[in-house]
Every structure is written in C-alpha cells, then in structure tokens.
Amino acid sequence: RLSFKSLVWLGHSIMLSFFACVLFYGALHMRLVTGAPDKSAGLTVRERESKDYLTEQAISDKPNVIFVMADDLGWANVGYHNAENPDVYTPNIDYLVNHGLELNRHYVDAECSPTRTSFQSGRLPVHVNTRNNDGLTDPVAGVPPEMTCIASKFKEAGYVTAHIGKWDAGFAQWSQIPISRGFDTSFG
C-alpha cells in the first residue's frame, strides 16, 4: 500500500520524466531532422544564456516548437516565476522560456480533458469539450473527429510532429487518437 508521500513522489517523478522526454525529443529533433548540431552541450545554463547561438541559417529555418503542458503545475512551481525560492530550481525550463515564447495569458479549464482539447483544437473548452469523463467509454469526450487539431496544421507546414505524455483529448474512436490527429508518433 502506498503512502501519500509515496504517491506525491511518484507524481513528481512522472512529471519530471515527461519534461525530460520533451526536452530530449527537442534536442534529438534539432540534431537529426534539421541536421543542426547541439552547440550548447556541456555548457551551464548561464554559459548558454551568455552566448548567441543563432545563425542566419537558423533564423531563416522554421523554428522548433516544443509545447509543455503539465497538470496541476502551479504558477510559482517554476524558476522563471519564483527565482527567489531556492527550492524551485528548473534551469532547463527557465532556459527554454528565456529563449522562446512563454504563453502566460492563455488560461486553462479547471479539469484536464477540456484544457487539452482546447489546446489541440484552438477553441475554448465550451466550444469543444467540457467533459472530463473517461475518454475510452465516452464517445463524445475529447476533440470531435470532424475538428482539425494543431498537429495536422503543423504537418501542412512541413513539420515532423510527436506527442509525448498524457493525451486525454479523446480515445473512444480510432479517429480521436494522436496518430489520427496529425501526430507522426505518439508515446504516452
């Protein structure tokens, strides 16, 4: 029988594994798909932030896009919002935010599935899915099959797409799973 402390530890381990997978995939994609070497390997966050790795070629190419969505992640649970707290240390995520785009005015629903379906479809939860039911047995949970999802738009723009982690945007039909919604691969 697991204690509450063990469950909390397990939840944090799963979340950290998810972040590690996303960050690993982003670095792997940059090296394998674009052919660009990872010039920042072996440097500390401070060293990476002090150097400019952008070249004219990198600027003219399509940017790599990594979107991280974590359930129950509080505003102050990342270093870029809570730098004064020594217990909150997220240098890799802070680096991505400092050199990327932080979407800090895109609000979420109170439950998992409506938030995820909203992001995938680009519509407010009230127009897509306000249900947080089991997506395996509820055929109307998740993004309706007739709606376009973000990954299919990235595919149209020539991107290689991958989904890693929790889906929760519909499972009841083959047409709702990630590889049917525009993702080349899905792990989760």
N, C-alpha and C. Protein backbone atom coordinates (compact mmCIF):
# COMPACT_ATOMS: atom_id res chain seq x y z
N ARG A 1 0.84 -1.18 0.00
CA ARG A 1 0.00 0.00 0.00
C ARG A 1 0.88 1.24 0.00
N LEU A 2 0.60 2.18 -0.88
CA LEU A 2 1.41 3.39 -1.00
C LEU A 2 0.93 4.47 -0.04
N SER A 3 1.87 5.15 0.57
CA SER A 3 1.53 6.28 1.44
C SER A 3 1.31 7.52 0.58
N PHE A 4 0.73 8.55 1.18
CA PHE A 4 0.52 9.80 0.47
C PHE A 4 1.84 10.38 -0.03
N LYS A 5 2.87 10.32 0.82
CA LYS A 5 4.19 10.84 0.44
C LYS A 5 4.74 10.09 -0.78
N SER A 6 4.54 8.76 -0.82
CA SER A 6 4.99 7.96 -1.96
C SER A 6 4.25 8.34 -3.23
N LEU A 7 2.94 8.59 -3.10
CA LEU A 7 2.16 8.99 -4.27
C LEU A 7 2.62 10.35 -4.80
N VAL A 8 2.89 11.28 -3.89
CA VAL A 8 3.39 12.60 -4.31
C VAL A 8 4.73 12.44 -5.02
N TRP A 9 5.63 11.63 -4.46
CA TRP A 9 6.94 11.39 -5.08
C TRP A 9 6.77 10.77 -6.46
N LEU A 10 5.86 9.79 -6.57
CA LEU A 10 5.61 9.14 -7.85
C LEU A 10 5.09 10.14 -8.87
N GLY A 11 4.16 10.99 -8.45
CA GLY A 11 3.62 12.01 -9.35
C GLY A 11 4.70 12.96 -9.85
N HIS A 12 5.56 13.41 -8.95
CA HIS A 12 6.66 14.30 -9.35
C HIS A 12 7.62 13.58 -10.28
N SER A 13 7.90 12.31 -10.03
CA SER A 13 8.80 11.53 -10.89
C SER A 13 8.24 11.41 -12.29
N ILE A 14 6.93 11.15 -12.38
CA ILE A 14 6.29 11.03 -13.70
C ILE A 14 6.35 12.37 -14.42
N MET A 15 6.07 13.47 -13.72
CA MET A 15 6.11 14.78 -14.34
C MET A 15 7.53 15.11 -14.82
N LEU A 16 8.53 14.82 -13.99
CA LEU A 16 9.91 15.10 -14.40
C LEU A 16 10.31 14.22 -15.57
N SER A 17 9.85 12.97 -15.60
CA SER A 17 10.13 12.10 -16.74
C SER A 17 9.52 12.67 -18.00
N PHE A 18 8.31 13.22 -17.89
CA PHE A 18 7.65 13.83 -19.04
C PHE A 18 8.48 15.00 -19.56
N PHE A 19 8.91 15.89 -18.65
CA PHE A 19 9.73 17.03 -19.07
C PHE A 19 11.03 16.55 -19.72
N ALA A 20 11.65 15.53 -19.14
CA ALA A 20 12.90 15.00 -19.70
C ALA A 20 12.67 14.46 -21.10
N CYS A 21 11.56 13.75 -21.31
CA CYS A 21 11.24 13.22 -22.64
C CYS A 21 11.04 14.34 -23.65
N VAL A 22 10.31 15.39 -23.25
CA VAL A 22 10.07 16.51 -24.16
C VAL A 22 11.37 17.20 -24.51
N LEU A 23 12.20 17.47 -23.49
CA LEU A 23 13.47 18.15 -23.75
C LEU A 23 14.40 17.28 -24.58
N PHE A 24 14.44 15.96 -24.31
CA PHE A 24 15.27 15.05 -25.09
C PHE A 24 14.81 15.02 -26.54
N TYR A 25 13.49 14.92 -26.75
CA TYR A 25 12.98 14.87 -28.11
C TYR A 25 13.32 16.16 -28.86
N GLY A 26 13.19 17.29 -28.17
CA GLY A 26 13.50 18.56 -28.84
C GLY A 26 14.96 18.61 -29.29
N ALA A 27 15.87 18.18 -28.42
CA ALA A 27 17.30 18.18 -28.78
C ALA A 27 17.57 17.16 -29.88
N LEU A 28 16.96 15.98 -29.77
CA LEU A 28 17.16 14.94 -30.79
C LEU A 28 16.62 15.40 -32.13
N HIS A 29 15.44 16.02 -32.13
CA HIS A 29 14.85 16.51 -33.37
C HIS A 29 15.75 17.56 -34.01
N MET A 30 16.30 18.45 -33.19
CA MET A 30 17.15 19.51 -33.73
C MET A 30 18.38 18.91 -34.42
N ARG A 31 18.95 17.85 -33.83
CA ARG A 31 20.14 17.25 -34.41
C ARG A 31 19.84 16.34 -35.59
N LEU A 32 18.79 15.52 -35.48
CA LEU A 32 18.52 14.52 -36.51
C LEU A 32 17.74 15.07 -37.69
N VAL A 33 16.68 15.83 -37.44
CA VAL A 33 15.83 16.29 -38.51
C VAL A 33 16.40 17.50 -39.21
N THR A 34 16.87 18.48 -38.45
CA THR A 34 17.37 19.69 -39.07
C THR A 34 18.86 19.60 -39.39
N GLY A 35 19.54 18.61 -38.81
CA GLY A 35 20.97 18.47 -39.06
C GLY A 35 21.81 19.47 -38.29
N ALA A 36 21.16 20.26 -37.43
CA ALA A 36 21.90 21.27 -36.66
C ALA A 36 22.53 20.64 -35.44
N PRO A 37 23.81 20.84 -35.22
CA PRO A 37 24.45 20.28 -34.03
C PRO A 37 23.98 21.00 -32.77
N ASP A 38 23.98 20.31 -31.67
CA ASP A 38 23.63 20.91 -30.39
C ASP A 38 24.89 21.59 -29.86
N LYS A 39 25.05 22.87 -30.18
CA LYS A 39 26.26 23.60 -29.81
C LYS A 39 26.34 23.91 -28.33
N SER A 40 25.22 23.76 -27.62
CA SER A 40 25.22 24.13 -26.20
C SER A 40 25.50 22.94 -25.29
N ALA A 41 25.77 21.77 -25.83
CA ALA A 41 26.01 20.59 -25.00
C ALA A 41 27.20 20.83 -24.07
N GLY A 42 27.05 20.48 -22.83
CA GLY A 42 28.13 20.59 -21.86
C GLY A 42 28.28 21.96 -21.22
N LEU A 43 27.47 22.92 -21.63
CA LEU A 43 27.55 24.25 -21.04
C LEU A 43 26.51 24.39 -19.94
N THR A 44 26.80 25.25 -18.98
CA THR A 44 25.82 25.53 -17.94
C THR A 44 24.76 26.46 -18.52
N VAL A 45 23.66 26.59 -17.81
CA VAL A 45 22.59 27.48 -18.26
C VAL A 45 23.12 28.90 -18.42
N ARG A 46 23.92 29.34 -17.45
CA ARG A 46 24.47 30.71 -17.51
C ARG A 46 25.35 30.90 -18.75
N GLU A 47 26.18 29.89 -19.07
CA GLU A 47 27.03 29.99 -20.26
C GLU A 47 26.20 30.01 -21.54
N ARG A 48 25.14 29.17 -21.60
CA ARG A 48 24.28 29.15 -22.78
C ARG A 48 23.59 30.50 -22.96
N GLU A 49 23.14 31.09 -21.85
CA GLU A 49 22.43 32.36 -21.94
C GLU A 49 23.34 33.51 -22.33
N SER A 50 24.64 33.40 -22.06
CA SER A 50 25.55 34.49 -22.37
C SER A 50 26.05 34.45 -23.80
N LYS A 51 25.77 33.37 -24.53
CA LYS A 51 26.26 33.25 -25.91
C LYS A 51 25.10 33.31 -26.88
N ASP A 52 25.36 33.75 -28.08
CA ASP A 52 24.34 33.81 -29.12
C ASP A 52 24.60 32.68 -30.11
N TYR A 53 23.75 31.66 -30.10
CA TYR A 53 23.93 30.52 -30.99
C TYR A 53 23.15 30.64 -32.29
N LEU A 54 22.40 31.72 -32.46
CA LEU A 54 21.60 31.85 -33.66
C LEU A 54 22.46 32.31 -34.83
N THR A 55 22.32 31.61 -35.92
CA THR A 55 22.98 32.00 -37.15
C THR A 55 21.92 32.46 -38.13
N GLU A 56 22.34 33.08 -39.23
CA GLU A 56 21.36 33.49 -40.22
C GLU A 56 20.58 32.29 -40.75
N GLN A 57 21.25 31.14 -40.90
CA GLN A 57 20.59 29.93 -41.37
C GLN A 57 19.52 29.48 -40.39
N ALA A 58 19.84 29.48 -39.10
CA ALA A 58 18.88 29.04 -38.09
C ALA A 58 17.68 29.97 -38.02
N ILE A 59 17.91 31.26 -38.19
CA ILE A 59 16.82 32.22 -38.15
C ILE A 59 15.91 32.05 -39.35
N SER A 60 16.46 31.74 -40.53
CA SER A 60 15.63 31.60 -41.72
C SER A 60 14.88 30.27 -41.77
N ASP A 61 15.34 29.26 -41.04
CA ASP A 61 14.64 27.97 -40.99
C ASP A 61 13.42 28.06 -40.10
N LYS A 62 12.54 27.08 -40.24
CA LYS A 62 11.38 27.01 -39.35
C LYS A 62 11.87 26.75 -37.93
N PRO A 63 11.28 27.38 -36.95
CA PRO A 63 11.70 27.14 -35.56
C PRO A 63 11.23 25.78 -35.07
N ASN A 64 11.95 25.22 -34.11
CA ASN A 64 11.48 24.02 -33.43
C ASN A 64 10.42 24.47 -32.44
N VAL A 65 9.36 23.70 -32.32
CA VAL A 65 8.26 24.04 -31.41
C VAL A 65 8.12 22.92 -30.39
N ILE A 66 8.24 23.28 -29.12
CA ILE A 66 8.01 22.34 -28.03
C ILE A 66 6.97 22.98 -27.13
N PHE A 67 5.85 22.31 -26.95
CA PHE A 67 4.82 22.81 -26.06
C PHE A 67 4.73 21.87 -24.88
N VAL A 68 4.90 22.41 -23.68
CA VAL A 68 4.86 21.61 -22.46
C VAL A 68 3.58 21.95 -21.71
N MET A 69 2.76 20.94 -21.46
CA MET A 69 1.56 21.11 -20.65
C MET A 69 1.65 20.13 -19.49
N ALA A 70 1.59 20.64 -18.29
CA ALA A 70 1.68 19.78 -17.11
C ALA A 70 0.46 20.00 -16.23
N ASP A 71 -0.20 18.92 -15.87
CA ASP A 71 -1.35 19.02 -14.98
C ASP A 71 -0.91 19.50 -13.60
N ASP A 72 -1.70 20.36 -13.01
CA ASP A 72 -1.53 20.80 -11.63
C ASP A 72 -0.18 21.47 -11.36
N LEU A 73 0.41 22.08 -12.36
CA LEU A 73 1.66 22.82 -12.16
C LEU A 73 1.29 24.25 -11.78
N GLY A 74 1.65 24.65 -10.59
CA GLY A 74 1.32 25.98 -10.10
C GLY A 74 2.20 27.06 -10.72
N TRP A 75 1.71 28.29 -10.71
CA TRP A 75 2.42 29.43 -11.28
C TRP A 75 3.82 29.57 -10.69
N ALA A 76 3.97 29.36 -9.41
CA ALA A 76 5.26 29.56 -8.73
C ALA A 76 6.07 28.27 -8.64
N ASN A 77 5.70 27.23 -9.36
CA ASN A 77 6.43 25.96 -9.31
C ASN A 77 7.53 25.87 -10.36
N VAL A 78 7.85 26.97 -11.01
CA VAL A 78 8.95 27.01 -11.98
C VAL A 78 9.84 28.20 -11.64
N GLY A 79 11.11 28.06 -11.90
CA GLY A 79 12.08 29.09 -11.52
C GLY A 79 11.86 30.44 -12.16
N TYR A 80 11.38 30.50 -13.40
CA TYR A 80 11.22 31.79 -14.06
C TYR A 80 10.08 32.61 -13.46
N HIS A 81 9.23 32.02 -12.61
CA HIS A 81 8.23 32.77 -11.88
C HIS A 81 8.55 32.88 -10.39
N ASN A 82 9.56 32.15 -9.93
CA ASN A 82 9.84 32.09 -8.50
C ASN A 82 11.34 31.96 -8.25
N ALA A 83 12.12 32.84 -8.83
CA ALA A 83 13.58 32.76 -8.76
C ALA A 83 14.12 32.93 -7.34
N GLU A 84 13.38 33.62 -6.48
CA GLU A 84 13.88 33.86 -5.13
C GLU A 84 13.75 32.64 -4.22
N ASN A 85 13.04 31.62 -4.64
CA ASN A 85 12.86 30.41 -3.82
C ASN A 85 13.90 29.36 -4.22
N PRO A 86 14.84 29.03 -3.34
CA PRO A 86 15.89 28.07 -3.70
C PRO A 86 15.37 26.64 -3.89
N ASP A 87 14.16 26.36 -3.40
CA ASP A 87 13.59 25.02 -3.56
C ASP A 87 13.01 24.81 -4.97
N VAL A 88 12.81 25.89 -5.69
CA VAL A 88 12.27 25.80 -7.04
C VAL A 88 13.41 26.06 -8.01
N TYR A 89 13.95 24.99 -8.54
CA TYR A 89 15.12 25.08 -9.42
C TYR A 89 14.80 24.34 -10.71
N THR A 90 14.53 25.08 -11.77
CA THR A 90 14.18 24.49 -13.07
C THR A 90 15.00 25.15 -14.18
N PRO A 91 16.32 24.97 -14.19
CA PRO A 91 17.16 25.71 -15.14
C PRO A 91 16.87 25.41 -16.61
N ASN A 92 16.55 24.18 -16.96
CA ASN A 92 16.31 23.87 -18.37
C ASN A 92 15.00 24.49 -18.86
N ILE A 93 13.98 24.40 -18.03
CA ILE A 93 12.71 25.03 -18.41
C ILE A 93 12.88 26.55 -18.45
N ASP A 94 13.61 27.11 -17.50
CA ASP A 94 13.87 28.56 -17.49
C ASP A 94 14.59 28.98 -18.76
N TYR A 95 15.54 28.17 -19.19
CA TYR A 95 16.29 28.47 -20.41
C TYR A 95 15.36 28.50 -21.63
N LEU A 96 14.48 27.49 -21.72
CA LEU A 96 13.54 27.44 -22.84
C LEU A 96 12.63 28.66 -22.85
N VAL A 97 12.16 29.08 -21.69
CA VAL A 97 11.29 30.25 -21.61
C VAL A 97 12.06 31.52 -21.99
N ASN A 98 13.29 31.65 -21.50
CA ASN A 98 14.09 32.85 -21.79
C ASN A 98 14.47 32.96 -23.26
N HIS A 99 14.52 31.85 -23.96
CA HIS A 99 14.92 31.86 -25.38
C HIS A 99 13.79 31.45 -26.30
N GLY A 100 12.60 31.43 -25.77
CA GLY A 100 11.45 31.03 -26.56
C GLY A 100 10.28 31.96 -26.29
N LEU A 101 9.11 31.37 -26.24
CA LEU A 101 7.89 32.13 -26.06
C LEU A 101 7.12 31.55 -24.88
N GLU A 102 6.84 32.37 -23.90
CA GLU A 102 6.04 31.94 -22.76
C GLU A 102 4.61 32.40 -22.99
N LEU A 103 3.70 31.46 -23.03
CA LEU A 103 2.29 31.79 -23.17
C LEU A 103 1.71 31.94 -21.77
N ASN A 104 1.72 33.17 -21.25
CA ASN A 104 1.31 33.38 -19.86
C ASN A 104 -0.07 34.01 -19.73
N ARG A 105 -0.78 34.15 -20.79
CA ARG A 105 -2.14 34.70 -20.73
C ARG A 105 -3.13 33.76 -21.41
N HIS A 106 -2.78 32.51 -21.50
CA HIS A 106 -3.64 31.52 -22.12
C HIS A 106 -4.17 30.64 -21.00
N TYR A 107 -5.37 30.93 -20.56
CA TYR A 107 -5.90 30.29 -19.36
C TYR A 107 -6.45 28.91 -19.67
N VAL A 108 -6.56 28.12 -18.62
CA VAL A 108 -6.97 26.73 -18.77
C VAL A 108 -8.28 26.49 -18.04
N ASP A 109 -8.89 25.37 -18.36
CA ASP A 109 -10.09 24.93 -17.68
C ASP A 109 -9.68 24.30 -16.35
N ALA A 110 -10.63 24.11 -15.47
CA ALA A 110 -10.34 23.53 -14.16
C ALA A 110 -10.03 22.04 -14.23
N GLU A 111 -10.28 21.41 -15.36
CA GLU A 111 -10.05 19.97 -15.48
C GLU A 111 -9.14 19.67 -16.67
N CYS A 112 -8.60 18.45 -16.67
CA CYS A 112 -7.58 18.07 -17.65
C CYS A 112 -8.09 18.04 -19.09
N SER A 113 -9.09 17.22 -19.36
CA SER A 113 -9.52 17.00 -20.73
C SER A 113 -9.99 18.27 -21.44
N PRO A 114 -10.81 19.12 -20.82
CA PRO A 114 -11.19 20.36 -21.51
C PRO A 114 -9.99 21.24 -21.88
N THR A 115 -8.99 21.30 -21.01
CA THR A 115 -7.79 22.08 -21.31
C THR A 115 -7.05 21.50 -22.51
N ARG A 116 -6.86 20.20 -22.52
CA ARG A 116 -6.11 19.54 -23.59
C ARG A 116 -6.86 19.61 -24.93
N THR A 117 -8.18 19.44 -24.90
CA THR A 117 -8.93 19.52 -26.15
C THR A 117 -8.95 20.96 -26.66
N SER A 118 -8.96 21.91 -25.75
CA SER A 118 -8.91 23.32 -26.15
C SER A 118 -7.59 23.63 -26.86
N PHE A 119 -6.49 23.17 -26.30
CA PHE A 119 -5.19 23.41 -26.94
C PHE A 119 -5.11 22.71 -28.30
N GLN A 120 -5.52 21.46 -28.36
CA GLN A 120 -5.42 20.70 -29.61
C GLN A 120 -6.27 21.31 -30.72
N SER A 121 -7.44 21.86 -30.37
CA SER A 121 -8.36 22.37 -31.39
C SER A 121 -8.23 23.87 -31.63
N GLY A 122 -7.64 24.60 -30.67
CA GLY A 122 -7.56 26.05 -30.80
C GLY A 122 -8.87 26.74 -30.46
N ARG A 123 -9.77 26.03 -29.83
CA ARG A 123 -11.07 26.60 -29.46
C ARG A 123 -11.23 26.59 -27.93
N LEU A 124 -12.09 27.46 -27.43
CA LEU A 124 -12.37 27.46 -26.00
C LEU A 124 -13.04 26.16 -25.61
N PRO A 125 -12.80 25.67 -24.38
CA PRO A 125 -13.41 24.41 -23.95
C PRO A 125 -14.93 24.36 -24.15
N VAL A 126 -15.61 25.46 -23.93
CA VAL A 126 -17.07 25.48 -24.07
C VAL A 126 -17.50 25.15 -25.50
N HIS A 127 -16.62 25.35 -26.47
CA HIS A 127 -16.94 25.07 -27.87
C HIS A 127 -16.42 23.72 -28.34
N VAL A 128 -15.69 23.01 -27.48
CA VAL A 128 -15.11 21.72 -27.86
C VAL A 128 -15.55 20.62 -26.92
N ASN A 129 -15.20 20.76 -25.64
CA ASN A 129 -15.40 19.68 -24.70
C ASN A 129 -15.31 20.23 -23.28
N THR A 130 -16.39 20.09 -22.54
CA THR A 130 -16.36 20.50 -21.13
C THR A 130 -16.45 19.28 -20.23
N ARG A 131 -16.36 18.11 -20.82
CA ARG A 131 -16.48 16.86 -20.06
C ARG A 131 -15.10 16.37 -19.65
N ASN A 132 -15.02 15.84 -18.46
CA ASN A 132 -13.77 15.25 -18.00
C ASN A 132 -13.99 13.76 -17.72
N ASN A 133 -14.83 13.15 -18.55
CA ASN A 133 -15.17 11.74 -18.40
C ASN A 133 -14.06 10.86 -18.95
N ASP A 134 -14.24 9.58 -18.76
CA ASP A 134 -13.31 8.59 -19.30
C ASP A 134 -13.40 8.61 -20.82
N GLY A 135 -12.35 9.00 -21.47
CA GLY A 135 -12.33 9.08 -22.92
C GLY A 135 -12.41 7.74 -23.62
N LEU A 136 -12.22 6.66 -22.89
CA LEU A 136 -12.32 5.33 -23.51
C LEU A 136 -13.76 4.89 -23.69
N THR A 137 -14.63 5.25 -22.76
CA THR A 137 -16.00 4.78 -22.82
C THR A 137 -17.00 5.86 -23.22
N ASP A 138 -16.60 7.11 -23.20
CA ASP A 138 -17.49 8.21 -23.55
C ASP A 138 -17.12 8.72 -24.94
N PRO A 139 -17.91 8.38 -25.96
CA PRO A 139 -17.53 8.73 -27.33
C PRO A 139 -17.55 10.22 -27.64
N VAL A 140 -18.18 11.04 -26.80
CA VAL A 140 -18.17 12.48 -27.06
C VAL A 140 -17.13 13.23 -26.25
N ALA A 141 -16.37 12.53 -25.41
CA ALA A 141 -15.28 13.19 -24.68
C ALA A 141 -14.13 13.44 -25.64
N GLY A 142 -13.45 14.54 -25.48
CA GLY A 142 -12.30 14.85 -26.32
C GLY A 142 -12.66 15.72 -27.52
N VAL A 143 -11.72 15.86 -28.44
CA VAL A 143 -11.94 16.66 -29.64
C VAL A 143 -12.80 15.85 -30.61
N PRO A 144 -13.93 16.41 -31.06
CA PRO A 144 -14.74 15.69 -32.04
C PRO A 144 -13.92 15.38 -33.30
N PRO A 145 -14.12 14.21 -33.89
CA PRO A 145 -13.31 13.79 -35.06
C PRO A 145 -13.36 14.76 -36.23
N GLU A 146 -14.45 15.51 -36.38
CA GLU A 146 -14.56 16.42 -37.53
C GLU A 146 -13.77 17.73 -37.35
N MET A 147 -13.25 17.98 -36.15
CA MET A 147 -12.47 19.20 -35.90
C MET A 147 -11.00 18.97 -36.22
N THR A 148 -10.36 20.01 -36.73
CA THR A 148 -8.94 19.98 -37.03
C THR A 148 -8.14 20.21 -35.76
N CYS A 149 -7.02 19.49 -35.61
CA CYS A 149 -6.14 19.67 -34.46
C CYS A 149 -4.84 20.35 -34.88
N ILE A 150 -4.13 20.88 -33.92
CA ILE A 150 -2.92 21.67 -34.17
C ILE A 150 -1.84 20.88 -34.91
N ALA A 151 -1.69 19.58 -34.59
CA ALA A 151 -0.63 18.80 -35.23
C ALA A 151 -0.85 18.68 -36.74
N SER A 152 -2.10 18.58 -37.17
CA SER A 152 -2.34 18.49 -38.62
C SER A 152 -1.97 19.80 -39.31
N LYS A 153 -2.13 20.92 -38.63
CA LYS A 153 -1.70 22.21 -39.20
C LYS A 153 -0.18 22.29 -39.29
N PHE A 154 0.51 21.76 -38.26
CA PHE A 154 1.98 21.72 -38.32
C PHE A 154 2.44 20.80 -39.45
N LYS A 155 1.74 19.69 -39.66
CA LYS A 155 2.09 18.77 -40.77
C LYS A 155 1.96 19.49 -42.10
N GLU A 156 0.88 20.26 -42.28
CA GLU A 156 0.68 21.03 -43.52
C GLU A 156 1.82 22.01 -43.75
N ALA A 157 2.44 22.50 -42.68
CA ALA A 157 3.55 23.45 -42.78
C ALA A 157 4.90 22.74 -42.93
N GLY A 158 4.88 21.40 -43.03
CA GLY A 158 6.12 20.66 -43.26
C GLY A 158 6.85 20.21 -42.02
N TYR A 159 6.23 20.24 -40.87
CA TYR A 159 6.86 19.82 -39.62
C TYR A 159 6.73 18.31 -39.41
N VAL A 160 7.69 17.77 -38.66
CA VAL A 160 7.59 16.42 -38.12
C VAL A 160 6.98 16.59 -36.74
N THR A 161 5.95 15.80 -36.42
CA THR A 161 5.23 16.01 -35.18
C THR A 161 5.31 14.79 -34.27
N ALA A 162 5.30 15.04 -32.98
CA ALA A 162 5.32 13.96 -31.99
C ALA A 162 4.54 14.39 -30.76
N HIS A 163 3.86 13.44 -30.19
CA HIS A 163 3.15 13.66 -28.93
C HIS A 163 3.77 12.74 -27.89
N ILE A 164 4.16 13.31 -26.75
CA ILE A 164 4.76 12.52 -25.68
C ILE A 164 4.00 12.86 -24.40
N GLY A 165 3.49 11.84 -23.74
CA GLY A 165 2.82 12.05 -22.46
C GLY A 165 1.33 11.82 -22.52
N LYS A 166 0.63 12.48 -21.63
CA LYS A 166 -0.81 12.31 -21.47
C LYS A 166 -1.56 12.92 -22.64
N TRP A 167 -2.50 12.20 -23.23
CA TRP A 167 -3.31 12.70 -24.34
C TRP A 167 -4.60 13.31 -23.81
N ASP A 168 -5.51 12.52 -23.31
CA ASP A 168 -6.76 12.96 -22.70
C ASP A 168 -7.56 13.93 -23.57
N ALA A 169 -7.52 13.71 -24.88
CA ALA A 169 -8.30 14.52 -25.81
C ALA A 169 -9.18 13.63 -26.69
N GLY A 170 -9.54 12.46 -26.15
CA GLY A 170 -10.42 11.52 -26.85
C GLY A 170 -9.72 10.23 -27.21
N PHE A 171 -10.35 9.11 -26.87
CA PHE A 171 -9.80 7.78 -27.17
C PHE A 171 -10.85 6.83 -27.72
N ALA A 172 -12.13 7.19 -27.61
CA ALA A 172 -13.21 6.24 -27.88
C ALA A 172 -13.25 5.78 -29.34
N GLN A 173 -12.70 6.56 -30.23
CA GLN A 173 -12.71 6.21 -31.65
C GLN A 173 -11.29 6.29 -32.19
N TRP A 174 -10.99 5.47 -33.19
CA TRP A 174 -9.68 5.49 -33.82
C TRP A 174 -9.35 6.90 -34.32
N SER A 175 -10.36 7.62 -34.79
CA SER A 175 -10.15 8.96 -35.35
C SER A 175 -9.80 10.00 -34.30
N GLN A 176 -9.84 9.65 -33.02
CA GLN A 176 -9.53 10.62 -31.96
C GLN A 176 -8.13 10.46 -31.37
N ILE A 177 -7.43 9.37 -31.67
CA ILE A 177 -6.13 9.16 -31.04
C ILE A 177 -5.05 10.01 -31.73
N PRO A 178 -3.94 10.26 -31.07
CA PRO A 178 -2.93 11.20 -31.58
C PRO A 178 -2.46 10.95 -33.02
N ILE A 179 -2.20 9.69 -33.39
CA ILE A 179 -1.69 9.45 -34.75
C ILE A 179 -2.77 9.67 -35.81
N SER A 180 -4.01 9.75 -35.40
CA SER A 180 -5.09 10.10 -36.33
C SER A 180 -5.38 11.59 -36.33
N ARG A 181 -4.72 12.32 -35.45
CA ARG A 181 -4.96 13.77 -35.35
C ARG A 181 -3.78 14.59 -35.87
N GLY A 182 -2.85 13.96 -36.58
CA GLY A 182 -1.75 14.70 -37.19
C GLY A 182 -0.39 14.45 -36.59
N PHE A 183 -0.31 13.62 -35.56
CA PHE A 183 1.00 13.33 -34.96
C PHE A 183 1.64 12.15 -35.68
N ASP A 184 2.92 12.28 -36.04
CA ASP A 184 3.66 11.18 -36.68
C ASP A 184 3.90 10.04 -35.70
N THR A 185 4.21 10.39 -34.46
CA THR A 185 4.44 9.40 -33.42
C THR A 185 3.75 9.85 -32.15
N SER A 186 3.48 8.89 -31.29
CA SER A 186 2.86 9.19 -30.00
C SER A 186 3.38 8.19 -28.98
N PHE A 187 3.79 8.70 -27.84
CA PHE A 187 4.26 7.86 -26.75
C PHE A 187 3.63 8.38 -25.47
N GLY A 188 2.77 7.59 -24.88
CA GLY A 188 2.17 8.05 -23.64
C GLY A 188 0.88 7.35 -23.35
